[in-house]
Amino acid sequence: QVQLVESGGGLVQAGGSLRLSCAASGSIFGINDMGWYRQAPGKQRELVATATRGSGTNYADSVKGRFTISRDNAKNTVYLQMNSLKPEDTAVYYCDAKLLIGTGWVDYWGQGTQVTVSS
C-alpha cells in the first residue's frame, strides 16, 4: 500500500523549533515534487514549501527565512525544519508528493500532523 507517513509535530513555545518528516512507502517507481501545506482552523489549506527532485525549492512569503524544506531521495523522505515559530504557524501540516505508481503519476497526501505554537 502506497502511503505518506508524517511525524514530528507537537507543542512548542513561540520562538522554538520543530522538524517535520514525511516518508513515502509502498510500490513507488518514482517521486517528483514533494511539499508541505498547512491548514489552520477556519482557513483554507495553504502552501508552505515545495521541493523538486533536484534542488529547486519554493516557500510561502510568511515562512521565508524561518522554514527550510529538504529531501532525501534515497529515503523517499521530505523534511521541514521550522525555526522561530510564531503562534500564527499553528495548524495541521500535511505532506504532499507526486508519486509514480503502477497506474501513473498520482498526487498523495499524508494524514496530517498538528503543530501548535503557544505565545
N, C-alpha and C. Protein backbone atom coordinates (compact mmCIF):
# COMPACT_ATOMS: atom_id res chain seq x y z
N GLN A 1 0.84 -1.19 0.00
CA GLN A 1 0.00 0.00 0.00
C GLN A 1 0.88 1.24 0.00
N VAL A 2 0.63 2.13 -0.95
CA VAL A 2 1.41 3.36 -1.03
C VAL A 2 0.86 4.36 -0.02
N GLN A 3 1.76 4.98 0.73
CA GLN A 3 1.31 5.97 1.70
C GLN A 3 2.42 6.94 2.04
N LEU A 4 2.00 8.09 2.58
CA LEU A 4 2.93 9.08 3.12
C LEU A 4 2.69 9.12 4.62
N VAL A 5 3.75 8.97 5.39
CA VAL A 5 3.63 8.95 6.84
C VAL A 5 4.42 10.12 7.42
N GLU A 6 3.72 10.98 8.13
CA GLU A 6 4.33 12.18 8.71
C GLU A 6 4.65 11.97 10.18
N SER A 7 5.62 12.72 10.65
CA SER A 7 5.95 12.71 12.07
C SER A 7 6.63 14.03 12.42
N GLY A 8 6.70 14.32 13.73
CA GLY A 8 7.44 15.47 14.18
C GLY A 8 6.63 16.64 14.68
N GLY A 9 5.34 16.59 14.58
CA GLY A 9 4.53 17.70 15.09
C GLY A 9 4.52 17.72 16.60
N GLY A 10 3.90 18.77 17.16
CA GLY A 10 3.82 18.86 18.61
C GLY A 10 3.54 20.26 19.08
N LEU A 11 3.74 20.47 20.37
CA LEU A 11 3.51 21.77 21.01
C LEU A 11 4.85 22.42 21.31
N VAL A 12 5.00 23.68 20.94
CA VAL A 12 6.24 24.39 21.16
C VAL A 12 5.92 25.84 21.49
N GLN A 13 6.80 26.47 22.26
CA GLN A 13 6.62 27.89 22.57
C GLN A 13 7.06 28.75 21.39
N ALA A 14 6.52 29.94 21.34
CA ALA A 14 6.92 30.88 20.30
C ALA A 14 8.44 31.09 20.35
N GLY A 15 9.05 31.10 19.17
CA GLY A 15 10.49 31.21 19.07
C GLY A 15 11.20 29.89 19.00
N GLY A 16 10.49 28.82 19.27
CA GLY A 16 11.07 27.49 19.25
C GLY A 16 11.15 26.89 17.86
N SER A 17 11.56 25.63 17.82
CA SER A 17 11.77 24.93 16.56
C SER A 17 11.13 23.55 16.58
N LEU A 18 10.75 23.10 15.41
CA LEU A 18 10.27 21.73 15.21
C LEU A 18 10.77 21.26 13.85
N ARG A 19 10.90 19.94 13.71
CA ARG A 19 11.28 19.36 12.43
C ARG A 19 10.25 18.30 12.06
N LEU A 20 9.61 18.50 10.94
CA LEU A 20 8.65 17.54 10.43
C LEU A 20 9.33 16.62 9.42
N SER A 21 8.88 15.36 9.40
CA SER A 21 9.37 14.39 8.42
C SER A 21 8.18 13.74 7.73
N CYS A 22 8.39 13.36 6.49
CA CYS A 22 7.35 12.67 5.73
C CYS A 22 8.03 11.63 4.84
N ALA A 23 7.70 10.37 5.06
CA ALA A 23 8.31 9.29 4.30
C ALA A 23 7.27 8.61 3.42
N ALA A 24 7.64 8.43 2.17
CA ALA A 24 6.78 7.71 1.22
C ALA A 24 7.18 6.24 1.22
N SER A 25 6.19 5.37 1.25
CA SER A 25 6.47 3.93 1.25
C SER A 25 5.48 3.19 0.37
N GLY A 26 5.84 1.96 0.01
CA GLY A 26 4.99 1.15 -0.85
C GLY A 26 5.64 0.95 -2.21
N SER A 27 4.86 0.49 -3.16
CA SER A 27 5.36 0.21 -4.51
C SER A 27 5.43 1.50 -5.32
N ILE A 28 6.52 2.22 -5.13
CA ILE A 28 6.73 3.52 -5.77
C ILE A 28 7.84 3.40 -6.79
N PHE A 29 7.60 3.87 -8.00
CA PHE A 29 8.61 3.80 -9.05
C PHE A 29 9.34 5.12 -9.25
N GLY A 30 8.81 6.18 -8.67
CA GLY A 30 9.46 7.47 -8.79
C GLY A 30 8.72 8.50 -7.96
N ILE A 31 9.43 9.58 -7.61
CA ILE A 31 8.82 10.68 -6.86
C ILE A 31 9.22 11.97 -7.53
N ASN A 32 8.24 12.81 -7.79
CA ASN A 32 8.53 14.12 -8.38
C ASN A 32 8.53 15.15 -7.26
N ASP A 33 7.76 16.20 -7.39
CA ASP A 33 7.73 17.24 -6.36
C ASP A 33 7.19 16.70 -5.03
N MET A 34 7.77 17.19 -3.94
CA MET A 34 7.28 16.91 -2.59
C MET A 34 7.10 18.25 -1.89
N GLY A 35 6.14 18.32 -0.97
CA GLY A 35 5.92 19.60 -0.33
C GLY A 35 5.13 19.50 0.96
N TRP A 36 4.99 20.65 1.57
CA TRP A 36 4.23 20.77 2.82
C TRP A 36 3.17 21.85 2.65
N TYR A 37 2.00 21.56 3.16
CA TYR A 37 0.89 22.50 3.21
C TYR A 37 0.39 22.54 4.65
N ARG A 38 -0.39 23.56 4.97
CA ARG A 38 -0.96 23.62 6.32
C ARG A 38 -2.37 24.18 6.26
N GLN A 39 -3.13 23.82 7.27
CA GLN A 39 -4.50 24.30 7.37
C GLN A 39 -4.80 24.64 8.82
N ALA A 40 -5.06 25.92 9.05
CA ALA A 40 -5.45 26.39 10.37
C ALA A 40 -6.97 26.32 10.50
N PRO A 41 -7.49 26.28 11.73
CA PRO A 41 -8.94 26.20 11.93
C PRO A 41 -9.66 27.36 11.24
N GLY A 42 -10.67 27.05 10.46
CA GLY A 42 -11.45 28.06 9.79
C GLY A 42 -10.81 28.66 8.56
N LYS A 43 -9.66 28.13 8.16
CA LYS A 43 -8.95 28.68 7.00
C LYS A 43 -8.74 27.59 5.95
N GLN A 44 -8.45 28.04 4.73
CA GLN A 44 -8.17 27.09 3.66
C GLN A 44 -6.75 26.54 3.78
N ARG A 45 -6.56 25.37 3.21
CA ARG A 45 -5.23 24.80 3.17
C ARG A 45 -4.33 25.69 2.30
N GLU A 46 -3.11 25.93 2.77
CA GLU A 46 -2.20 26.80 2.04
C GLU A 46 -0.83 26.16 1.89
N LEU A 47 -0.14 26.57 0.83
CA LEU A 47 1.20 26.10 0.57
C LEU A 47 2.16 26.64 1.62
N VAL A 48 3.05 25.78 2.10
CA VAL A 48 4.13 26.21 2.98
C VAL A 48 5.44 26.20 2.21
N ALA A 49 5.78 25.05 1.63
CA ALA A 49 7.03 24.93 0.88
C ALA A 49 6.98 23.70 0.00
N THR A 50 7.69 23.77 -1.13
CA THR A 50 7.81 22.62 -2.02
C THR A 50 9.26 22.44 -2.42
N ALA A 51 9.60 21.21 -2.79
CA ALA A 51 10.96 20.88 -3.23
C ALA A 51 10.87 19.94 -4.42
N THR A 52 11.56 20.28 -5.49
CA THR A 52 11.63 19.40 -6.65
C THR A 52 12.61 18.27 -6.39
N ARG A 53 12.64 17.32 -7.30
CA ARG A 53 13.55 16.20 -7.14
C ARG A 53 15.01 16.66 -7.20
N GLY A 54 15.25 17.75 -7.87
CA GLY A 54 16.59 18.33 -7.88
C GLY A 54 16.79 19.24 -6.68
N SER A 55 17.21 20.44 -6.88
CA SER A 55 17.49 21.33 -5.76
C SER A 55 16.53 22.51 -5.69
N GLY A 56 15.51 22.50 -6.51
CA GLY A 56 14.60 23.63 -6.51
C GLY A 56 13.67 23.65 -5.31
N THR A 57 13.47 24.83 -4.72
CA THR A 57 12.57 24.99 -3.59
C THR A 57 11.70 26.23 -3.79
N ASN A 58 10.57 26.22 -3.10
CA ASN A 58 9.65 27.34 -3.16
C ASN A 58 9.02 27.49 -1.79
N TYR A 59 8.88 28.73 -1.31
CA TYR A 59 8.34 28.97 0.03
C TYR A 59 7.22 30.01 -0.01
N ALA A 60 6.29 29.86 0.90
CA ALA A 60 5.32 30.92 1.14
C ALA A 60 6.05 32.10 1.75
N ASP A 61 5.61 33.31 1.42
CA ASP A 61 6.28 34.50 1.95
C ASP A 61 6.29 34.51 3.47
N SER A 62 5.25 33.97 4.08
CA SER A 62 5.12 34.01 5.53
C SER A 62 6.15 33.16 6.26
N VAL A 63 6.81 32.24 5.56
CA VAL A 63 7.77 31.35 6.23
C VAL A 63 9.19 31.53 5.72
N LYS A 64 9.38 32.35 4.71
CA LYS A 64 10.73 32.56 4.16
C LYS A 64 11.67 33.05 5.24
N GLY A 65 12.85 32.45 5.28
CA GLY A 65 13.85 32.83 6.27
C GLY A 65 13.70 32.12 7.60
N ARG A 66 12.58 31.42 7.80
CA ARG A 66 12.35 30.70 9.06
C ARG A 66 12.26 29.20 8.85
N PHE A 67 11.67 28.79 7.73
CA PHE A 67 11.48 27.37 7.44
C PHE A 67 12.42 26.94 6.33
N THR A 68 12.85 25.68 6.40
CA THR A 68 13.70 25.11 5.35
C THR A 68 13.18 23.73 4.98
N ILE A 69 12.91 23.55 3.69
CA ILE A 69 12.49 22.24 3.20
C ILE A 69 13.69 21.53 2.60
N SER A 70 13.76 20.23 2.83
CA SER A 70 14.83 19.44 2.24
C SER A 70 14.30 18.03 2.01
N ARG A 71 15.01 17.28 1.20
CA ARG A 71 14.57 15.91 0.93
C ARG A 71 15.75 14.98 0.79
N ASP A 72 15.51 13.74 1.14
CA ASP A 72 16.49 12.68 0.97
C ASP A 72 15.89 11.70 -0.02
N ASN A 73 16.29 11.81 -1.27
CA ASN A 73 15.69 10.99 -2.32
C ASN A 73 15.95 9.50 -2.11
N ALA A 74 17.08 9.17 -1.50
CA ALA A 74 17.40 7.76 -1.24
C ALA A 74 16.43 7.15 -0.23
N LYS A 75 15.90 7.99 0.65
CA LYS A 75 14.96 7.52 1.68
C LYS A 75 13.51 7.88 1.36
N ASN A 76 13.27 8.48 0.20
CA ASN A 76 11.91 8.89 -0.18
C ASN A 76 11.27 9.76 0.90
N THR A 77 12.05 10.66 1.45
CA THR A 77 11.62 11.45 2.60
C THR A 77 11.82 12.93 2.36
N VAL A 78 10.87 13.71 2.82
CA VAL A 78 10.98 15.17 2.78
C VAL A 78 10.87 15.69 4.21
N TYR A 79 11.63 16.74 4.49
CA TYR A 79 11.68 17.32 5.83
C TYR A 79 11.26 18.79 5.78
N LEU A 80 10.80 19.28 6.91
CA LEU A 80 10.52 20.71 7.05
C LEU A 80 11.09 21.15 8.39
N GLN A 81 12.18 21.89 8.35
CA GLN A 81 12.76 22.45 9.56
C GLN A 81 12.11 23.80 9.81
N MET A 82 11.47 23.95 10.95
CA MET A 82 10.75 25.15 11.27
C MET A 82 11.41 25.83 12.47
N ASN A 83 11.95 27.02 12.24
CA ASN A 83 12.60 27.79 13.30
C ASN A 83 11.82 29.08 13.54
N SER A 84 12.10 29.71 14.67
CA SER A 84 11.46 30.98 15.03
C SER A 84 9.95 30.89 14.86
N LEU A 85 9.38 29.84 15.40
CA LEU A 85 7.95 29.60 15.22
C LEU A 85 7.12 30.68 15.90
N LYS A 86 5.99 30.99 15.27
CA LYS A 86 5.07 32.01 15.76
C LYS A 86 3.70 31.37 16.02
N PRO A 87 2.90 31.97 16.88
CA PRO A 87 1.56 31.41 17.12
C PRO A 87 0.75 31.25 15.84
N GLU A 88 0.95 32.14 14.87
CA GLU A 88 0.21 32.04 13.61
C GLU A 88 0.67 30.87 12.74
N ASP A 89 1.71 30.17 13.13
CA ASP A 89 2.12 28.96 12.42
C ASP A 89 1.32 27.74 12.89
N THR A 90 0.50 27.93 13.91
CA THR A 90 -0.32 26.83 14.42
C THR A 90 -1.28 26.34 13.34
N ALA A 91 -1.23 25.04 13.06
CA ALA A 91 -2.05 24.45 12.01
C ALA A 91 -1.79 22.95 11.96
N VAL A 92 -2.60 22.27 11.17
CA VAL A 92 -2.29 20.89 10.80
C VAL A 92 -1.44 20.94 9.54
N TYR A 93 -0.30 20.31 9.57
CA TYR A 93 0.62 20.31 8.45
C TYR A 93 0.50 18.99 7.68
N TYR A 94 0.35 19.13 6.37
CA TYR A 94 0.15 17.97 5.50
C TYR A 94 1.31 17.86 4.51
N CYS A 95 1.77 16.65 4.33
CA CYS A 95 2.78 16.35 3.32
C CYS A 95 2.09 15.99 2.01
N ASP A 96 2.67 16.41 0.91
CA ASP A 96 2.13 16.12 -0.42
C ASP A 96 3.26 15.64 -1.32
N ALA A 97 2.99 14.65 -2.14
CA ALA A 97 4.02 14.16 -3.05
C ALA A 97 3.39 13.62 -4.32
N LYS A 98 4.07 13.85 -5.43
CA LYS A 98 3.66 13.31 -6.73
C LYS A 98 4.41 12.00 -6.90
N LEU A 99 3.69 10.90 -6.83
CA LEU A 99 4.29 9.57 -6.84
C LEU A 99 3.96 8.81 -8.12
N LEU A 100 4.97 8.13 -8.65
CA LEU A 100 4.77 7.28 -9.81
C LEU A 100 4.49 5.87 -9.33
N ILE A 101 3.26 5.44 -9.54
CA ILE A 101 2.88 4.09 -9.14
C ILE A 101 2.52 3.31 -10.40
N GLY A 102 1.95 2.12 -10.25
CA GLY A 102 1.69 1.29 -11.41
C GLY A 102 0.77 1.90 -12.45
N THR A 103 -0.13 2.78 -12.02
CA THR A 103 -1.12 3.37 -12.94
C THR A 103 -0.70 4.73 -13.46
N GLY A 104 0.46 5.21 -13.05
CA GLY A 104 0.92 6.51 -13.50
C GLY A 104 1.22 7.43 -12.33
N TRP A 105 1.33 8.74 -12.63
CA TRP A 105 1.63 9.72 -11.59
C TRP A 105 0.35 10.03 -10.80
N VAL A 106 0.46 9.98 -9.48
CA VAL A 106 -0.68 10.24 -8.60
C VAL A 106 -0.24 11.17 -7.49
N ASP A 107 -1.11 12.11 -7.12
CA ASP A 107 -0.85 13.04 -6.03
C ASP A 107 -1.32 12.40 -4.72
N TYR A 108 -0.40 12.20 -3.79
CA TYR A 108 -0.72 11.61 -2.49
C TYR A 108 -0.58 12.65 -1.39
N TRP A 109 -1.40 12.48 -0.33
CA TRP A 109 -1.35 13.33 0.84
C TRP A 109 -1.12 12.48 2.08
N GLY A 110 -0.40 13.05 3.04
CA GLY A 110 -0.25 12.42 4.33
C GLY A 110 -1.49 12.67 5.18
N GLN A 111 -1.48 12.07 6.38
CA GLN A 111 -2.65 12.18 7.26
C GLN A 111 -2.68 13.48 8.04
N GLY A 112 -1.59 14.20 8.03
CA GLY A 112 -1.52 15.47 8.75
C GLY A 112 -0.91 15.31 10.13
N THR A 113 -0.18 16.32 10.55
CA THR A 113 0.40 16.35 11.89
C THR A 113 0.18 17.73 12.49
N GLN A 114 -0.26 17.76 13.73
CA GLN A 114 -0.62 19.02 14.38
C GLN A 114 0.63 19.74 14.89
N VAL A 115 0.71 21.01 14.57
CA VAL A 115 1.75 21.89 15.12
C VAL A 115 1.04 23.01 15.88
N THR A 116 1.37 23.14 17.15
CA THR A 116 0.76 24.17 17.98
C THR A 116 1.87 25.02 18.60
N VAL A 117 1.79 26.32 18.37
CA VAL A 117 2.78 27.26 18.89
C VAL A 117 2.10 28.15 19.91
N SER A 118 2.57 28.09 21.14
CA SER A 118 1.98 28.89 22.21
C SER A 118 2.71 30.22 22.35
N SER A 119 1.98 31.23 22.74
CA SER A 119 2.58 32.57 22.88
C SER A 119 3.14 32.78 24.28
